[in-house]
Amino acid sequence: KLWTWVSKINVHHAKFAWYSLFSVAFADLYIYLLSN
């Protein structure tokens, strides 16, 4: 069951790679601008 679920989202791995790359940088940048 776990393998089938991971297989379904595995096809979107490239998309999630970019989304998470932008989101983690944006989260850090937001806190940086808020802090200064």
Full PDB file with SEQRES, HELIX, SHEET, SSBOND, CRYST1, ORIGX, SCALE, CONECT and MASTER records, all heavy atoms in Angstrom:
SEQRES   1 A   36  LYS LEU TRP THR TRP VAL SER LYS ILE ASN VAL HIS HIS          
SEQRES   2 A   36  ALA LYS PHE ALA TRP TYR SER LEU PHE SER VAL ALA PHE          
SEQRES   3 A   36  ALA ASP LEU TYR ILE TYR LEU LEU SER ASN                      
HELIX    1 AA1 LEU A    2  ASN A   10  1                                   9    
HELIX    2 AA2 HIS A   13  SER A   35  1                                  23    
CRYST1    1.000    1.000    1.000  90.00  90.00  90.00 P 1           1          
ORIGX1      1.000000  0.000000  0.000000        0.00000                         
ORIGX2      0.000000  1.000000  0.000000        0.00000                         
ORIGX3      0.000000  0.000000  1.000000        0.00000                         
SCALE1      1.000000  0.000000  0.000000        0.00000                         
SCALE2      0.000000  1.000000  0.000000        0.00000                         
SCALE3      0.000000  0.000000  1.000000        0.00000                         
ATOM      1  N   LYS A   1       0.834  -1.203   0.000  1.00  0.00           N  
ATOM      2  CA  LYS A   1       0.000   0.000   0.000  1.00  0.00           C  
ATOM      3  C   LYS A   1       0.867   1.251   0.000  1.00  0.00           C  
ATOM      4  O   LYS A   1       0.604   2.218  -0.728  1.00  0.00           O  
ATOM      5  CB  LYS A   1      -0.927  -0.007   1.218  1.00  0.00           C  
ATOM      6  CG  LYS A   1      -2.260  -0.713   1.027  1.00  0.00           C  
ATOM      7  CD  LYS A   1      -3.136   0.075   0.067  1.00  0.00           C  
ATOM      8  CE  LYS A   1      -4.512  -0.550  -0.055  1.00  0.00           C  
ATOM      9  NZ  LYS A   1      -5.371   0.182  -1.018  1.00  0.00           N  
ATOM     10  N   LEU A   2       1.897   1.251   0.853  1.00  0.00           N  
ATOM     11  CA  LEU A   2       2.803   2.385   0.914  1.00  0.00           C  
ATOM     12  C   LEU A   2       3.535   2.571  -0.413  1.00  0.00           C  
ATOM     13  O   LEU A   2       3.714   3.691  -0.891  1.00  0.00           O  
ATOM     14  CB  LEU A   2       3.815   2.194   2.054  1.00  0.00           C  
ATOM     15  CG  LEU A   2       3.266   2.259   3.474  1.00  0.00           C  
ATOM     16  CD1 LEU A   2       4.358   1.899   4.477  1.00  0.00           C  
ATOM     17  CD2 LEU A   2       2.710   3.643   3.775  1.00  0.00           C  
ATOM     18  N   TRP A   3       3.942   1.473  -1.027  1.00  0.00           N  
ATOM     19  CA  TRP A   3       4.660   1.528  -2.294  1.00  0.00           C  
ATOM     20  C   TRP A   3       3.784   2.115  -3.394  1.00  0.00           C  
ATOM     21  O   TRP A   3       4.247   2.929  -4.198  1.00  0.00           O  
ATOM     22  CB  TRP A   3       5.123   0.130  -2.670  1.00  0.00           C  
ATOM     23  CG  TRP A   3       5.894   0.070  -3.954  1.00  0.00           C  
ATOM     24  CD1 TRP A   3       7.217   0.341  -4.138  1.00  0.00           C  
ATOM     25  CD2 TRP A   3       5.377  -0.280  -5.239  1.00  0.00           C  
ATOM     26  NE1 TRP A   3       7.567   0.181  -5.450  1.00  0.00           N  
ATOM     27  CE2 TRP A   3       6.460  -0.200  -6.157  1.00  0.00           C  
ATOM     28  CE3 TRP A   3       4.121  -0.665  -5.700  1.00  0.00           C  
ATOM     29  CZ2 TRP A   3       6.291  -0.486  -7.514  1.00  0.00           C  
ATOM     30  CZ3 TRP A   3       3.954  -0.951  -7.046  1.00  0.00           C  
ATOM     31  CH2 TRP A   3       5.030  -0.858  -7.935  1.00  0.00           C  
ATOM     32  N   THR A   4       2.510   1.715  -3.445  1.00  0.00           N  
ATOM     33  CA  THR A   4       1.612   2.257  -4.461  1.00  0.00           C  
ATOM     34  C   THR A   4       1.362   3.743  -4.242  1.00  0.00           C  
ATOM     35  O   THR A   4       1.276   4.518  -5.200  1.00  0.00           O  
ATOM     36  CB  THR A   4       0.268   1.503  -4.471  1.00  0.00           C  
ATOM     37  OG1 THR A   4      -0.318   1.525  -3.151  1.00  0.00           O  
ATOM     38  CG2 THR A   4       0.458   0.055  -4.893  1.00  0.00           C  
ATOM     39  N   TRP A   5       1.258   4.166  -2.972  1.00  0.00           N  
ATOM     40  CA  TRP A   5       1.045   5.587  -2.682  1.00  0.00           C  
ATOM     41  C   TRP A   5       2.267   6.405  -3.067  1.00  0.00           C  
ATOM     42  O   TRP A   5       2.144   7.451  -3.710  1.00  0.00           O  
ATOM     43  CB  TRP A   5       0.733   5.778  -1.205  1.00  0.00           C  
ATOM     44  CG  TRP A   5       0.433   7.202  -0.847  1.00  0.00           C  
ATOM     45  CD1 TRP A   5      -0.735   7.872  -1.034  1.00  0.00           C  
ATOM     46  CD2 TRP A   5       1.338   8.146  -0.250  1.00  0.00           C  
ATOM     47  NE1 TRP A   5      -0.626   9.166  -0.590  1.00  0.00           N  
ATOM     48  CE2 TRP A   5       0.619   9.367  -0.106  1.00  0.00           C  
ATOM     49  CE3 TRP A   5       2.661   8.081   0.190  1.00  0.00           C  
ATOM     50  CZ2 TRP A   5       1.210  10.497   0.451  1.00  0.00           C  
ATOM     51  CZ3 TRP A   5       3.240   9.218   0.737  1.00  0.00           C  
ATOM     52  CH2 TRP A   5       2.520  10.407   0.855  1.00  0.00           C  
ATOM     53  N   VAL A   6       3.456   5.916  -2.698  1.00  0.00           N  
ATOM     54  CA  VAL A   6       4.688   6.626  -3.046  1.00  0.00           C  
ATOM     55  C   VAL A   6       4.879   6.640  -4.559  1.00  0.00           C  
ATOM     56  O   VAL A   6       5.338   7.642  -5.127  1.00  0.00           O  
ATOM     57  CB  VAL A   6       5.902   5.979  -2.350  1.00  0.00           C  
ATOM     58  CG1 VAL A   6       7.206   6.577  -2.857  1.00  0.00           C  
ATOM     59  CG2 VAL A   6       5.805   6.159  -0.840  1.00  0.00           C  
ATOM     60  N   SER A   7       4.502   5.557  -5.232  1.00  0.00           N  
ATOM     61  CA  SER A   7       4.634   5.498  -6.690  1.00  0.00           C  
ATOM     62  C   SER A   7       3.771   6.552  -7.374  1.00  0.00           C  
ATOM     63  O   SER A   7       4.159   7.116  -8.403  1.00  0.00           O  
ATOM     64  CB  SER A   7       4.247   4.101  -7.198  1.00  0.00           C  
ATOM     65  OG  SER A   7       5.129   3.119  -6.691  1.00  0.00           O  
ATOM     66  N   LYS A   8       2.606   6.826  -6.799  1.00  0.00           N  
ATOM     67  CA  LYS A   8       1.708   7.818  -7.392  1.00  0.00           C  
ATOM     68  C   LYS A   8       2.293   9.230  -7.302  1.00  0.00           C  
ATOM     69  O   LYS A   8       2.162  10.016  -8.238  1.00  0.00           O  
ATOM     70  CB  LYS A   8       0.347   7.764  -6.710  1.00  0.00           C  
ATOM     71  CG  LYS A   8      -0.463   6.523  -7.033  1.00  0.00           C  
ATOM     72  CD  LYS A   8      -1.795   6.519  -6.303  1.00  0.00           C  
ATOM     73  CE  LYS A   8      -2.595   5.266  -6.618  1.00  0.00           C  
ATOM     74  NZ  LYS A   8      -3.890   5.227  -5.874  1.00  0.00           N  
ATOM     75  N   ILE A   9       2.916   9.549  -6.183  1.00  0.00           N  
ATOM     76  CA  ILE A   9       3.490  10.890  -6.052  1.00  0.00           C  
ATOM     77  C   ILE A   9       4.905  10.955  -6.615  1.00  0.00           C  
ATOM     78  O   ILE A   9       5.425  12.039  -6.870  1.00  0.00           O  
ATOM     79  CB  ILE A   9       3.483  11.375  -4.587  1.00  0.00           C  
ATOM     80  CG1 ILE A   9       4.375  10.498  -3.702  1.00  0.00           C  
ATOM     81  CG2 ILE A   9       2.067  11.430  -4.041  1.00  0.00           C  
ATOM     82  CD1 ILE A   9       4.529  11.030  -2.292  1.00  0.00           C  
ATOM     83  N   ASN A  10       5.519   9.779  -6.845  1.00  0.00           N  
ATOM     84  CA  ASN A  10       6.874   9.751  -7.403  1.00  0.00           C  
ATOM     85  C   ASN A  10       6.925  10.366  -8.792  1.00  0.00           C  
ATOM     86  O   ASN A  10       7.928  10.982  -9.172  1.00  0.00           O  
ATOM     87  CB  ASN A  10       7.390   8.309  -7.428  1.00  0.00           C  
ATOM     88  CG  ASN A  10       8.747   8.193  -8.096  1.00  0.00           C  
ATOM     89  OD1 ASN A  10       8.857   7.733  -9.231  1.00  0.00           O  
ATOM     90  ND2 ASN A  10       9.790   8.614  -7.397  1.00  0.00           N  
ATOM     91  N   VAL A  11       5.843  10.229  -9.554  1.00  0.00           N  
ATOM     92  CA  VAL A  11       5.826  10.791 -10.907  1.00  0.00           C  
ATOM     93  C   VAL A  11       5.850  12.320 -10.888  1.00  0.00           C  
ATOM     94  O   VAL A  11       6.144  12.947 -11.910  1.00  0.00           O  
ATOM     95  CB  VAL A  11       4.590  10.291 -11.691  1.00  0.00           C  
ATOM     96  CG1 VAL A  11       4.644   8.781 -11.848  1.00  0.00           C  
ATOM     97  CG2 VAL A  11       3.300  10.704 -11.005  1.00  0.00           C  
ATOM     98  N   HIS A  12       5.534  12.916  -9.727  1.00  0.00           N  
ATOM     99  CA  HIS A  12       5.552  14.372  -9.588  1.00  0.00           C  
ATOM    100  C   HIS A  12       6.786  14.852  -8.826  1.00  0.00           C  
ATOM    101  O   HIS A  12       6.826  15.987  -8.367  1.00  0.00           O  
ATOM    102  CB  HIS A  12       4.294  14.849  -8.864  1.00  0.00           C  
ATOM    103  CG  HIS A  12       3.016  14.434  -9.525  1.00  0.00           C  
ATOM    104  ND1 HIS A  12       2.600  14.946 -10.734  1.00  0.00           N  
ATOM    105  CD2 HIS A  12       2.064  13.541  -9.143  1.00  0.00           C  
ATOM    106  CE1 HIS A  12       1.445  14.405 -11.072  1.00  0.00           C  
ATOM    107  NE2 HIS A  12       1.100  13.547 -10.137  1.00  0.00           N  
ATOM    108  N   HIS A  13       7.774  13.977  -8.690  1.00  0.00           N  
ATOM    109  CA  HIS A  13       8.949  14.292  -7.876  1.00  0.00           C  
ATOM    110  C   HIS A  13       9.668  15.548  -8.358  1.00  0.00           C  
ATOM    111  O   HIS A  13      10.088  16.390  -7.549  1.00  0.00           O  
ATOM    112  CB  HIS A  13       9.918  13.108  -7.888  1.00  0.00           C  
ATOM    113  CG  HIS A  13      11.063  13.237  -6.941  1.00  0.00           C  
ATOM    114  ND1 HIS A  13      10.916  13.475  -5.596  1.00  0.00           N  
ATOM    115  CD2 HIS A  13      12.411  13.175  -7.159  1.00  0.00           C  
ATOM    116  CE1 HIS A  13      12.098  13.548  -5.012  1.00  0.00           C  
ATOM    117  NE2 HIS A  13      13.020  13.372  -5.936  1.00  0.00           N  
ATOM    118  N   ALA A  14       9.802  15.700  -9.655  1.00  0.00           N  
ATOM    119  CA  ALA A  14      10.491  16.879 -10.211  1.00  0.00           C  
ATOM    120  C   ALA A  14       9.742  18.158  -9.850  1.00  0.00           C  
ATOM    121  O   ALA A  14      10.354  19.170  -9.478  1.00  0.00           O  
ATOM    122  CB  ALA A  14      10.610  16.741 -11.723  1.00  0.00           C  
ATOM    123  N   LYS A  15       8.429  18.116  -9.936  1.00  0.00           N  
ATOM    124  CA  LYS A  15       7.617  19.284  -9.605  1.00  0.00           C  
ATOM    125  C   LYS A  15       7.760  19.645  -8.133  1.00  0.00           C  
ATOM    126  O   LYS A  15       7.930  20.823  -7.784  1.00  0.00           O  
ATOM    127  CB  LYS A  15       6.159  19.005  -9.958  1.00  0.00           C  
ATOM    128  CG  LYS A  15       5.207  20.135  -9.664  1.00  0.00           C  
ATOM    129  CD  LYS A  15       3.829  19.847 -10.263  1.00  0.00           C  
ATOM    130  CE  LYS A  15       3.208  18.600  -9.662  1.00  0.00           C  
ATOM    131  NZ  LYS A  15       1.850  18.358 -10.202  1.00  0.00           N  
ATOM    132  N   PHE A  16       7.702  18.634  -7.268  1.00  0.00           N  
ATOM    133  CA  PHE A  16       7.840  18.894  -5.834  1.00  0.00           C  
ATOM    134  C   PHE A  16       9.241  19.373  -5.493  1.00  0.00           C  
ATOM    135  O   PHE A  16       9.430  20.127  -4.532  1.00  0.00           O  
ATOM    136  CB  PHE A  16       7.499  17.635  -5.032  1.00  0.00           C  
ATOM    137  CG  PHE A  16       6.069  17.207  -5.152  1.00  0.00           C  
ATOM    138  CD1 PHE A  16       5.730  15.863  -5.227  1.00  0.00           C  
ATOM    139  CD2 PHE A  16       5.051  18.152  -5.186  1.00  0.00           C  
ATOM    140  CE1 PHE A  16       4.409  15.469  -5.330  1.00  0.00           C  
ATOM    141  CE2 PHE A  16       3.720  17.758  -5.290  1.00  0.00           C  
ATOM    142  CZ  PHE A  16       3.406  16.412  -5.373  1.00  0.00           C  
ATOM    143  N   ALA A  17      10.231  18.930  -6.270  1.00  0.00           N  
ATOM    144  CA  ALA A  17      11.607  19.378  -6.045  1.00  0.00           C  
ATOM    145  C   ALA A  17      11.702  20.885  -6.223  1.00  0.00           C  
ATOM    146  O   ALA A  17      12.317  21.588  -5.403  1.00  0.00           O  
ATOM    147  CB  ALA A  17      12.555  18.662  -7.010  1.00  0.00           C  
ATOM    148  N   TRP A  18      11.101  21.411  -7.285  1.00  0.00           N  
ATOM    149  CA  TRP A  18      11.145  22.854  -7.528  1.00  0.00           C  
ATOM    150  C   TRP A  18      10.252  23.619  -6.558  1.00  0.00           C  
ATOM    151  O   TRP A  18      10.638  24.678  -6.060  1.00  0.00           O  
ATOM    152  CB  TRP A  18      10.758  23.154  -8.970  1.00  0.00           C  
ATOM    153  CG  TRP A  18      11.805  22.750  -9.945  1.00  0.00           C  
ATOM    154  CD1 TRP A  18      11.726  21.758 -10.875  1.00  0.00           C  
ATOM    155  CD2 TRP A  18      13.127  23.290 -10.052  1.00  0.00           C  
ATOM    156  NE1 TRP A  18      12.911  21.658 -11.570  1.00  0.00           N  
ATOM    157  CE2 TRP A  18      13.783  22.586 -11.090  1.00  0.00           C  
ATOM    158  CE3 TRP A  18      13.816  24.297  -9.391  1.00  0.00           C  
ATOM    159  CZ2 TRP A  18      15.089  22.867 -11.472  1.00  0.00           C  
ATOM    160  CZ3 TRP A  18      15.114  24.589  -9.767  1.00  0.00           C  
ATOM    161  CH2 TRP A  18      15.747  23.875 -10.789  1.00  0.00           C  
ATOM    162  N   TYR A  19       9.059  23.104  -6.295  1.00  0.00           N  
ATOM    163  CA  TYR A  19       8.157  23.785  -5.359  1.00  0.00           C  
ATOM    164  C   TYR A  19       8.814  23.942  -3.990  1.00  0.00           C  
ATOM    165  O   TYR A  19       8.762  25.013  -3.377  1.00  0.00           O  
ATOM    166  CB  TYR A  19       6.849  23.014  -5.215  1.00  0.00           C  
ATOM    167  CG  TYR A  19       5.930  23.095  -6.406  1.00  0.00           C  
ATOM    168  CD1 TYR A  19       4.790  22.293  -6.486  1.00  0.00           C  
ATOM    169  CD2 TYR A  19       6.190  23.948  -7.476  1.00  0.00           C  
ATOM    170  CE1 TYR A  19       3.929  22.353  -7.575  1.00  0.00           C  
ATOM    171  CE2 TYR A  19       5.356  24.011  -8.571  1.00  0.00           C  
ATOM    172  CZ  TYR A  19       4.221  23.215  -8.615  1.00  0.00           C  
ATOM    173  OH  TYR A  19       3.383  23.267  -9.704  1.00  0.00           O  
ATOM    174  N   SER A  20       9.413  22.858  -3.494  1.00  0.00           N  
ATOM    175  CA  SER A  20      10.041  22.899  -2.165  1.00  0.00           C  
ATOM    176  C   SER A  20      11.287  23.770  -2.161  1.00  0.00           C  
ATOM    177  O   SER A  20      11.617  24.394  -1.153  1.00  0.00           O  
ATOM    178  CB  SER A  20      10.376  21.482  -1.692  1.00  0.00           C  
ATOM    179  OG  SER A  20      11.275  20.843  -2.576  1.00  0.00           O  
ATOM    180  N   LEU A  21      11.990  23.820  -3.306  1.00  0.00           N  
ATOM    181  CA  LEU A  21      13.173  24.677  -3.394  1.00  0.00           C  
ATOM    182  C   LEU A  21      12.785  26.140  -3.245  1.00  0.00           C  
ATOM    183  O   LEU A  21      13.404  26.890  -2.484  1.00  0.00           O  
ATOM    184  CB  LEU A  21      13.869  24.459  -4.745  1.00  0.00           C  
ATOM    185  CG  LEU A  21      15.230  25.127  -4.915  1.00  0.00           C  
ATOM    186  CD1 LEU A  21      16.300  24.352  -4.162  1.00  0.00           C  
ATOM    187  CD2 LEU A  21      15.601  25.221  -6.393  1.00  0.00           C  
ATOM    188  N   PHE A  22      11.732  26.536  -3.946  1.00  0.00           N  
ATOM    189  CA  PHE A  22      11.266  27.920  -3.860  1.00  0.00           C  
ATOM    190  C   PHE A  22      10.647  28.210  -2.492  1.00  0.00           C  
ATOM    191  O   PHE A  22      10.840  29.303  -1.943  1.00  0.00           O  
ATOM    192  CB  PHE A  22      10.241  28.205  -4.962  1.00  0.00           C  
ATOM    193  CG  PHE A  22      10.838  28.264  -6.335  1.00  0.00           C  
ATOM    194  CD1 PHE A  22      10.338  27.474  -7.356  1.00  0.00           C  
ATOM    195  CD2 PHE A  22      11.910  29.104  -6.615  1.00  0.00           C  
ATOM    196  CE1 PHE A  22      10.885  27.523  -8.631  1.00  0.00           C  
ATOM    197  CE2 PHE A  22      12.464  29.165  -7.879  1.00  0.00           C  
ATOM    198  CZ  PHE A  22      11.949  28.365  -8.897  1.00  0.00           C  
ATOM    199  N   SER A  23       9.899  27.256  -1.942  1.00  0.00           N  
ATOM    200  CA  SER A  23       9.198  27.506  -0.679  1.00  0.00           C  
ATOM    201  C   SER A  23      10.165  27.675   0.487  1.00  0.00           C  
ATOM    202  O   SER A  23       9.962  28.534   1.345  1.00  0.00           O  
ATOM    203  CB  SER A  23       8.199  26.379  -0.386  1.00  0.00           C  
ATOM    204  OG  SER A  23       8.851  25.159  -0.080  1.00  0.00           O  
ATOM    205  N   VAL A  24      11.236  26.866   0.531  1.00  0.00           N  
ATOM    206  CA  VAL A  24      12.170  26.967   1.646  1.00  0.00           C  
ATOM    207  C   VAL A  24      12.968  28.268   1.560  1.00  0.00           C  
ATOM    208  O   VAL A  24      13.256  28.913   2.591  1.00  0.00           O  
ATOM    209  CB  VAL A  24      13.102  25.733   1.698  1.00  0.00           C  
ATOM    210  CG1 VAL A  24      14.095  25.737   0.545  1.00  0.00           C  
ATOM    211  CG2 VAL A  24      13.835  25.652   3.026  1.00  0.00           C  
ATOM    212  N   ALA A  25      13.310  28.692   0.335  1.00  0.00           N  
ATOM    213  CA  ALA A  25      14.018  29.961   0.167  1.00  0.00           C  
ATOM    214  C   ALA A  25      13.100  31.134   0.505  1.00  0.00           C  
ATOM    215  O   ALA A  25      13.530  32.107   1.143  1.00  0.00           O  
ATOM    216  CB  ALA A  25      14.535  30.085  -1.264  1.00  0.00           C  
ATOM    217  N   PHE A  26      11.835  31.035   0.096  1.00  0.00           N  
ATOM    218  CA  PHE A  26      10.891  32.113   0.375  1.00  0.00           C  
ATOM    219  C   PHE A  26      10.605  32.220   1.873  1.00  0.00           C  
ATOM    220  O   PHE A  26      10.498  33.333   2.417  1.00  0.00           O  
ATOM    221  CB  PHE A  26       9.587  31.884  -0.381  1.00  0.00           C  
ATOM    222  CG  PHE A  26       8.583  32.992  -0.218  1.00  0.00           C  
ATOM    223  CD1 PHE A  26       8.745  34.204  -0.882  1.00  0.00           C  
ATOM    224  CD2 PHE A  26       7.482  32.840   0.621  1.00  0.00           C  
ATOM    225  CE1 PHE A  26       7.833  35.242  -0.724  1.00  0.00           C  
ATOM    226  CE2 PHE A  26       6.563  33.867   0.785  1.00  0.00           C  
ATOM    227  CZ  PHE A  26       6.739  35.067   0.117  1.00  0.00           C  
ATOM    228  N   ALA A  27      10.492  31.070   2.560  1.00  0.00           N  
ATOM    229  CA  ALA A  27      10.255  31.082   4.005  1.00  0.00           C  
ATOM    230  C   ALA A  27      11.413  31.751   4.736  1.00  0.00           C  
ATOM    231  O   ALA A  27      11.215  32.560   5.648  1.00  0.00           O  
ATOM    232  CB  ALA A  27      10.057  29.658   4.513  1.00  0.00           C  
ATOM    233  N   ASP A  28      12.642  31.420   4.332  1.00  0.00           N  
ATOM    234  CA  ASP A  28      13.813  32.048   4.944  1.00  0.00           C  
ATOM    235  C   ASP A  28      13.848  33.539   4.644  1.00  0.00           C  
ATOM    236  O   ASP A  28      14.127  34.352   5.532  1.00  0.00           O  
ATOM    237  CB  ASP A  28      15.090  31.388   4.433  1.00  0.00           C  
ATOM    238  CG  ASP A  28      16.338  32.095   4.922  1.00  0.00           C  
ATOM    239  OD1 ASP A  28      16.727  31.887   6.087  1.00  0.00           O  
ATOM    240  OD2 ASP A  28      16.912  32.892   4.147  1.00  0.00           O  
ATOM    241  N   LEU A  29      13.567  33.913   3.387  1.00  0.00           N  
ATOM    242  CA  LEU A  29      13.601  35.319   3.005  1.00  0.00           C  
ATOM    243  C   LEU A  29      12.539  36.118   3.757  1.00  0.00           C  
ATOM    244  O   LEU A  29      12.802  37.255   4.183  1.00  0.00           O  
ATOM    245  CB  LEU A  29      13.377  35.457   1.500  1.00  0.00           C  
ATOM    246  CG  LEU A  29      13.371  36.883   0.934  1.00  0.00           C  
ATOM    247  CD1 LEU A  29      14.722  37.556   1.170  1.00  0.00           C  
ATOM    248  CD2 LEU A  29      13.025  36.870  -0.549  1.00  0.00           C  
ATOM    249  N   TYR A  30      11.362  35.533   3.946  1.00  0.00           N  
ATOM    250  CA  TYR A  30      10.296  36.226   4.673  1.00  0.00           C  
ATOM    251  C   TYR A  30      10.724  36.507   6.110  1.00  0.00           C  
ATOM    252  O   TYR A  30      10.540  37.620   6.623  1.00  0.00           O  
ATOM    253  CB  TYR A  30       9.019  35.382   4.661  1.00  0.00           C  
ATOM    254  CG  TYR A  30       7.887  35.989   5.454  1.00  0.00           C  
ATOM    255  CD1 TYR A  30       7.096  36.997   4.910  1.00  0.00           C  
ATOM    256  CD2 TYR A  30       7.613  35.572   6.758  1.00  0.00           C  
ATOM    257  CE1 TYR A  30       6.064  37.571   5.631  1.00  0.00           C  
ATOM    258  CE2 TYR A  30       6.588  36.127   7.496  1.00  0.00           C  
ATOM    259  CZ  TYR A  30       5.811  37.137   6.922  1.00  0.00           C  
ATOM    260  OH  TYR A  30       4.793  37.697   7.653  1.00  0.00           O  
ATOM    261  N   ILE A  31      11.306  35.515   6.765  1.00  0.00           N  
ATOM    262  CA  ILE A  31      11.749  35.692   8.155  1.00  0.00           C  
ATOM    263  C   ILE A  31      12.898  36.686   8.220  1.00  0.00           C  
ATOM    264  O   ILE A  31      12.976  37.503   9.146  1.00  0.00           O  
ATOM    265  CB  ILE A  31      12.156  34.330   8.752  1.00  0.00           C  
ATOM    266  CG1 ILE A  31      10.913  33.443   8.892  1.00  0.00           C  
ATOM    267  CG2 ILE A  31      12.853  34.501  10.102  1.00  0.00           C  
ATOM    268  CD1 ILE A  31      11.209  32.030   9.336  1.00  0.00           C  
ATOM    269  N   TYR A  32      13.778  36.659   7.235  1.00  0.00           N  
ATOM    270  CA  TYR A  32      14.890  37.613   7.175  1.00  0.00           C  
ATOM    271  C   TYR A  32      14.372  39.049   7.068  1.00  0.00           C  
ATOM    272  O   TYR A  32      14.809  39.938   7.810  1.00  0.00           O  
ATOM    273  CB  TYR A  32      15.791  37.275   5.991  1.00  0.00           C  
ATOM    274  CG  TYR A  32      16.855  38.311   5.717  1.00  0.00           C  
ATOM    275  CD1 TYR A  32      17.989  38.409   6.517  1.00  0.00           C  
ATOM    276  CD2 TYR A  32      16.731  39.200   4.642  1.00  0.00           C  
ATOM    277  CE1 TYR A  32      18.972  39.350   6.268  1.00  0.00           C  
ATOM    278  CE2 TYR A  32      17.702  40.149   4.381  1.00  0.00           C  
ATOM    279  CZ  TYR A  32      18.824  40.219   5.195  1.00  0.00           C  
ATOM    280  OH  TYR A  32      19.788  41.166   4.950  1.00  0.00           O  
ATOM    281  N   LEU A  33      13.441  39.289   6.160  1.00  0.00           N  
ATOM    282  CA  LEU A  33      12.891  40.635   5.973  1.00  0.00           C  
ATOM    283  C   LEU A  33      12.060  41.069   7.167  1.00  0.00           C  
ATOM    284  O   LEU A  33      12.044  42.243   7.542  1.00  0.00           O  
ATOM    285  CB  LEU A  33      12.038  40.676   4.700  1.00  0.00           C  
ATOM    286  CG  LEU A  33      12.784  40.429   3.385  1.00  0.00           C  
ATOM    287  CD1 LEU A  33      11.811  40.407   2.221  1.00  0.00           C  
ATOM    288  CD2 LEU A  33      13.862  41.490   3.165  1.00  0.00           C  
ATOM    289  N   LEU A  34      11.394  40.110   7.800  1.00  0.00           N  
ATOM    290  CA  LEU A  34      10.597  40.417   8.984  1.00  0.00           C  
ATOM    291  C   LEU A  34      11.509  40.774  10.153  1.00  0.00           C  
ATOM    292  O   LEU A  34      11.244  41.714  10.912  1.00  0.00           O  
ATOM    293  CB  LEU A  34       9.739  39.198   9.338  1.00  0.00           C  
ATOM    294  CG  LEU A  34       8.530  39.408  10.257  1.00  0.00           C  
ATOM    295  CD1 LEU A  34       7.508  40.317   9.599  1.00  0.00           C  
ATOM    296  CD2 LEU A  34       7.890  38.062  10.587  1.00  0.00           C  
ATOM    297  N   SER A  35      12.615  40.061  10.267  1.00  0.00           N  
ATOM    298  CA  SER A  35      13.527  40.276  11.380  1.00  0.00           C  
ATOM    299  C   SER A  35      14.268  41.603  11.281  1.00  0.00           C  
ATOM    300  O   SER A  35      14.483  42.273  12.301  1.00  0.00           O  
ATOM    301  CB  SER A  35      14.536  39.122  11.441  1.00  0.00           C  
ATOM    302  OG  SER A  35      15.496  39.329  12.455  1.00  0.00           O  
ATOM    303  N   ASN A  36      14.671  41.992  10.059  1.00  0.00           N  
ATOM    304  CA  ASN A  36      15.426  43.240   9.934  1.00  0.00           C  
ATOM    305  C   ASN A  36      14.541  44.471   9.788  1.00  0.00           C  
ATOM    306  O   ASN A  36      15.025  45.571   9.565  1.00  0.00           O  
ATOM    307  CB  ASN A  36      16.429  43.158   8.773  1.00  0.00           C  
ATOM    308  CG  ASN A  36      15.760  43.038   7.414  1.00  0.00           C  
ATOM    309  OD1 ASN A  36      14.587  43.365   7.234  1.00  0.00           O  
ATOM    310  ND2 ASN A  36      16.525  42.562   6.438  1.00  0.00           N  
TER     311      ASN A  36                                                      
MASTER        0    0    0    2    0    0    0    6  310    1    0    3          
END                                                                             
